[in-house]
Each structure stands twice: as C-alpha cells, then as structure tokens.
Amino acid sequence: MKRYVGIREGHAVTVTVDGRRLNPRRDLWNHSPSGFEWGYGGSGPAQLALAILADHLGDDQEALNFYQRFKWAVIAELPGRGWTLSSRDIDQLLKNVQEAELLIGGVA
C-alpha cells in the first residue's frame, strides 16, 4: 500500500509517495510550473490531483478523466499544514466521489 504525504514548511510544499518525491506529471498536463498546492481549487491543486491519480491508478487516461473532480472533492479540502493519504484512503475517496456523481446525476 502506497503512502502519499504533503508537508508545508513556510511557503514551500513537498509531496512524497513512499518517501520519494511525487512526479508532477507535467507531461500529461502542465497546470502549475511552480509546483503542487492543496486546500483550494487552483492550478497547484489540479497538478497535485493529476499526479496522485496518475501514480495511484497507473492509468494516465483514467487520471486525466477524473482528476478535476478529485481536486474539488479531495485536494481542495486537505488541511493546509500537511496531510497523509494511503492507497486505501484514495480508493475510498474515489468511490465516494463516484457514488456522489451517481446520486447527483439521478442514476442511483
């Protein structure tokens, strides 16, 4: 099980997965040349959502299809000073987001 950790020290943020820096995946979409962010819905959080999902899912297209919804539902809500998400947490959060979409869409 992977462990994603975000730490804020002053104005600098670091995001790791299992102790190594998370690849921002700017090759998929370059939202934020200046790096990751969280706690709101801007470009840094979009880059973080994309990077986490690309790493977690191992499927670039699936990450591209879903990361904006993940950004708003999860990344925008992360606490400012720091956070930890496990693979299990992400799976559950993705399931919650998908279920909410079904309810909103009237499909459920």
C-alpha atoms as a PDB file:
ATOM      1  CA  MET A   1       0.000   0.000   0.000  1.00  0.00           C
ATOM      2  CA  LYS A   2       1.366   3.397  -1.019  1.00  0.00           C
ATOM      3  CA  ARG A   3       1.501   6.388   1.321  1.00  0.00           C
ATOM      4  CA  TYR A   4       1.244   9.946  -0.016  1.00  0.00           C
ATOM      5  CA  VAL A   5       2.397  12.755   2.277  1.00  0.00           C
ATOM      6  CA  GLY A   6       2.148  16.515   1.795  1.00  0.00           C
ATOM      7  CA  ILE A   7       4.128  18.831   4.073  1.00  0.00           C
ATOM      8  CA  ARG A   8       4.157  22.629   4.151  1.00  0.00           C
ATOM      9  CA  GLU A   9       7.198  24.432   5.567  1.00  0.00           C
ATOM     10  CA  GLY A  10       6.680  28.169   5.269  1.00  0.00           C
ATOM     11  CA  HIS A  11       5.784  28.775   1.627  1.00  0.00           C
ATOM     12  CA  ALA A  12       7.409  25.565   0.386  1.00  0.00           C
ATOM     13  CA  VAL A  13       5.460  22.341  -0.067  1.00  0.00           C
ATOM     14  CA  THR A  14       6.779  18.840  -0.546  1.00  0.00           C
ATOM     15  CA  VAL A  15       4.739  15.838  -1.654  1.00  0.00           C
ATOM     16  CA  THR A  16       6.142  12.333  -1.464  1.00  0.00           C
ATOM     17  CA  VAL A  17       4.921   8.837  -2.211  1.00  0.00           C
ATOM     18  CA  ASP A  18       6.555   6.145  -0.107  1.00  0.00           C
ATOM     19  CA  GLY A  19       9.341   8.568   0.789  1.00  0.00           C
ATOM     20  CA  ARG A  20      10.230   9.696  -2.754  1.00  0.00           C
ATOM     21  CA  ARG A  21       9.128  12.929  -4.411  1.00  0.00           C
ATOM     22  CA  LEU A  22       5.892  12.549  -6.339  1.00  0.00           C
ATOM     23  CA  ASN A  23       6.314  13.064 -10.080  1.00  0.00           C
ATOM     24  CA  PRO A  24       4.161  16.108 -11.008  1.00  0.00           C
ATOM     25  CA  ARG A  25       3.312  14.531 -14.394  1.00  0.00           C
ATOM     26  CA  ARG A  26       3.553  17.787 -16.319  1.00  0.00           C
ATOM     27  CA  ASP A  27       3.884  15.559 -19.400  1.00  0.00           C
ATOM     28  CA  LEU A  28       0.140  14.881 -19.058  1.00  0.00           C
ATOM     29  CA  TRP A  29      -0.931  18.483 -18.329  1.00  0.00           C
ATOM     30  CA  ASN A  30       1.101  21.429 -17.089  1.00  0.00           C
ATOM     31  CA  HIS A  31      -1.239  23.281 -14.768  1.00  0.00           C
ATOM     32  CA  SER A  32       1.395  24.563 -12.376  1.00  0.00           C
ATOM     33  CA  PRO A  33       5.044  25.014 -13.331  1.00  0.00           C
ATOM     34  CA  SER A  34       5.645  26.295  -9.795  1.00  0.00           C
ATOM     35  CA  GLY A  35       4.566  23.033  -8.169  1.00  0.00           C
ATOM     36  CA  PHE A  36       1.916  21.435  -6.012  1.00  0.00           C
ATOM     37  CA  GLU A  37      -0.613  23.038  -3.678  1.00  0.00           C
ATOM     38  CA  TRP A  38      -3.729  21.985  -1.797  1.00  0.00           C
ATOM     39  CA  GLY A  39      -6.554  23.391   0.283  1.00  0.00           C
ATOM     40  CA  TYR A  40      -8.285  25.284  -2.558  1.00  0.00           C
ATOM     41  CA  GLY A  41      -9.235  24.713  -6.202  1.00  0.00           C
ATOM     42  CA  GLY A  42      -6.430  26.332  -8.215  1.00  0.00           C
ATOM     43  CA  SER A  43      -3.723  25.199 -10.614  1.00  0.00           C
ATOM     44  CA  GLY A  44      -1.343  23.802  -7.967  1.00  0.00           C
ATOM     45  CA  PRO A  45      -4.102  21.577  -6.547  1.00  0.00           C
ATOM     46  CA  ALA A  46      -5.006  20.454 -10.088  1.00  0.00           C
ATOM     47  CA  GLN A  47      -1.388  19.398 -10.663  1.00  0.00           C
ATOM     48  CA  LEU A  48      -1.385  17.513  -7.359  1.00  0.00           C
ATOM     49  CA  ALA A  49      -4.680  15.743  -8.108  1.00  0.00           C
ATOM     50  CA  LEU A  50      -3.399  14.667 -11.523  1.00  0.00           C
ATOM     51  CA  ALA A  51      -0.061  13.478 -10.133  1.00  0.00           C
ATOM     52  CA  ILE A  52      -1.637  11.473  -7.310  1.00  0.00           C
ATOM     53  CA  LEU A  53      -4.205   9.808  -9.549  1.00  0.00           C
ATOM     54  CA  ALA A  54      -1.697   9.029 -12.308  1.00  0.00           C
ATOM     55  CA  ASP A  55       0.577   7.395  -9.750  1.00  0.00           C
ATOM     56  CA  HIS A  56      -2.181   5.663  -7.816  1.00  0.00           C
ATOM     57  CA  LEU A  57      -4.223   4.384 -10.757  1.00  0.00           C
ATOM     58  CA  GLY A  58      -1.300   3.580 -13.047  1.00  0.00           C
ATOM     59  CA  ASP A  59      -3.549   4.696 -15.931  1.00  0.00           C
ATOM     60  CA  ASP A  60      -2.807   8.124 -17.396  1.00  0.00           C
ATOM     61  CA  GLN A  61      -6.065   8.372 -19.335  1.00  0.00           C
ATOM     62  CA  GLU A  62      -8.162   7.457 -16.305  1.00  0.00           C
ATOM     63  CA  ALA A  63      -6.255  10.041 -14.253  1.00  0.00           C
ATOM     64  CA  LEU A  64      -6.904  12.690 -16.913  1.00  0.00           C
ATOM     65  CA  ASN A  65     -10.597  11.797 -16.994  1.00  0.00           C
ATOM     66  CA  PHE A  66     -11.081  12.088 -13.252  1.00  0.00           C
ATOM     67  CA  TYR A  67      -8.521  14.438 -11.664  1.00  0.00           C
ATOM     68  CA  GLN A  68     -10.569  17.661 -11.756  1.00  0.00           C
ATOM     69  CA  ARG A  69     -13.388  16.019  -9.792  1.00  0.00           C
ATOM     70  CA  PHE A  70     -10.820  14.552  -7.386  1.00  0.00           C
ATOM     71  CA  LYS A  71      -9.278  18.011  -6.993  1.00  0.00           C
ATOM     72  CA  TRP A  72     -12.568  19.585  -5.904  1.00  0.00           C
ATOM     73  CA  ALA A  73     -13.739  16.704  -3.729  1.00  0.00           C
ATOM     74  CA  VAL A  74     -10.435  15.830  -2.044  1.00  0.00           C
ATOM     75  CA  ILE A  75      -7.413  18.038  -2.746  1.00  0.00           C
ATOM     76  CA  ALA A  76      -9.275  21.317  -2.179  1.00  0.00           C
ATOM     77  CA  GLU A  77     -10.288  20.050   1.273  1.00  0.00           C
ATOM     78  CA  LEU A  78      -6.862  18.914   2.526  1.00  0.00           C
ATOM     79  CA  PRO A  79      -5.545  20.754   5.616  1.00  0.00           C
ATOM     80  CA  GLY A  80      -3.010  23.482   4.909  1.00  0.00           C
ATOM     81  CA  ARG A  81      -0.145  22.374   7.160  1.00  0.00           C
ATOM     82  CA  GLY A  82       0.061  18.818   5.896  1.00  0.00           C
ATOM     83  CA  TRP A  83      -1.713  15.550   5.236  1.00  0.00           C
ATOM     84  CA  THR A  84      -1.290  11.828   4.594  1.00  0.00           C
ATOM     85  CA  LEU A  85      -3.322   9.656   2.226  1.00  0.00           C
ATOM     86  CA  SER A  86      -2.884   5.912   1.826  1.00  0.00           C
ATOM     87  CA  SER A  87      -3.820   3.926  -1.262  1.00  0.00           C
ATOM     88  CA  ARG A  88      -6.781   2.625   0.707  1.00  0.00           C
ATOM     89  CA  ASP A  89      -7.863   6.197   1.540  1.00  0.00           C
ATOM     90  CA  ILE A  90      -7.664   7.201  -2.125  1.00  0.00           C
ATOM     91  CA  ASP A  91      -9.659   4.157  -3.240  1.00  0.00           C
ATOM     92  CA  GLN A  92     -12.387   5.030  -0.743  1.00  0.00           C
ATOM     93  CA  LEU A  93     -12.374   8.711  -1.678  1.00  0.00           C
ATOM     94  CA  LEU A  94     -12.659   7.833  -5.376  1.00  0.00           C
ATOM     95  CA  LYS A  95     -15.556   5.523  -4.594  1.00  0.00           C
ATOM     96  CA  ASN A  96     -17.268   8.291  -2.584  1.00  0.00           C
ATOM     97  CA  VAL A  97     -16.840  10.793  -5.434  1.00  0.00           C
ATOM     98  CA  GLN A  98     -18.213   8.313  -7.983  1.00  0.00           C
ATOM     99  CA  GLU A  99     -21.198   7.469  -5.777  1.00  0.00           C
ATOM    100  CA  ALA A 100     -21.946  11.169  -5.247  1.00  0.00           C
ATOM    101  CA  GLU A 101     -21.872  11.712  -9.012  1.00  0.00           C
ATOM    102  CA  LEU A 102     -24.369   8.909  -9.486  1.00  0.00           C
ATOM    103  CA  LEU A 103     -26.692  10.438  -6.903  1.00  0.00           C
ATOM    104  CA  ILE A 104     -26.414  13.929  -8.366  1.00  0.00           C
ATOM    105  CA  GLY A 105     -26.945  12.554 -11.852  1.00  0.00           C
ATOM    106  CA  GLY A 106     -30.099  10.792 -10.727  1.00  0.00           C
ATOM    107  CA  VAL A 107     -28.787   7.410 -11.799  1.00  0.00           C
ATOM    108  CA  ALA A 108     -28.738   5.813  -8.325  1.00  0.00           C
END
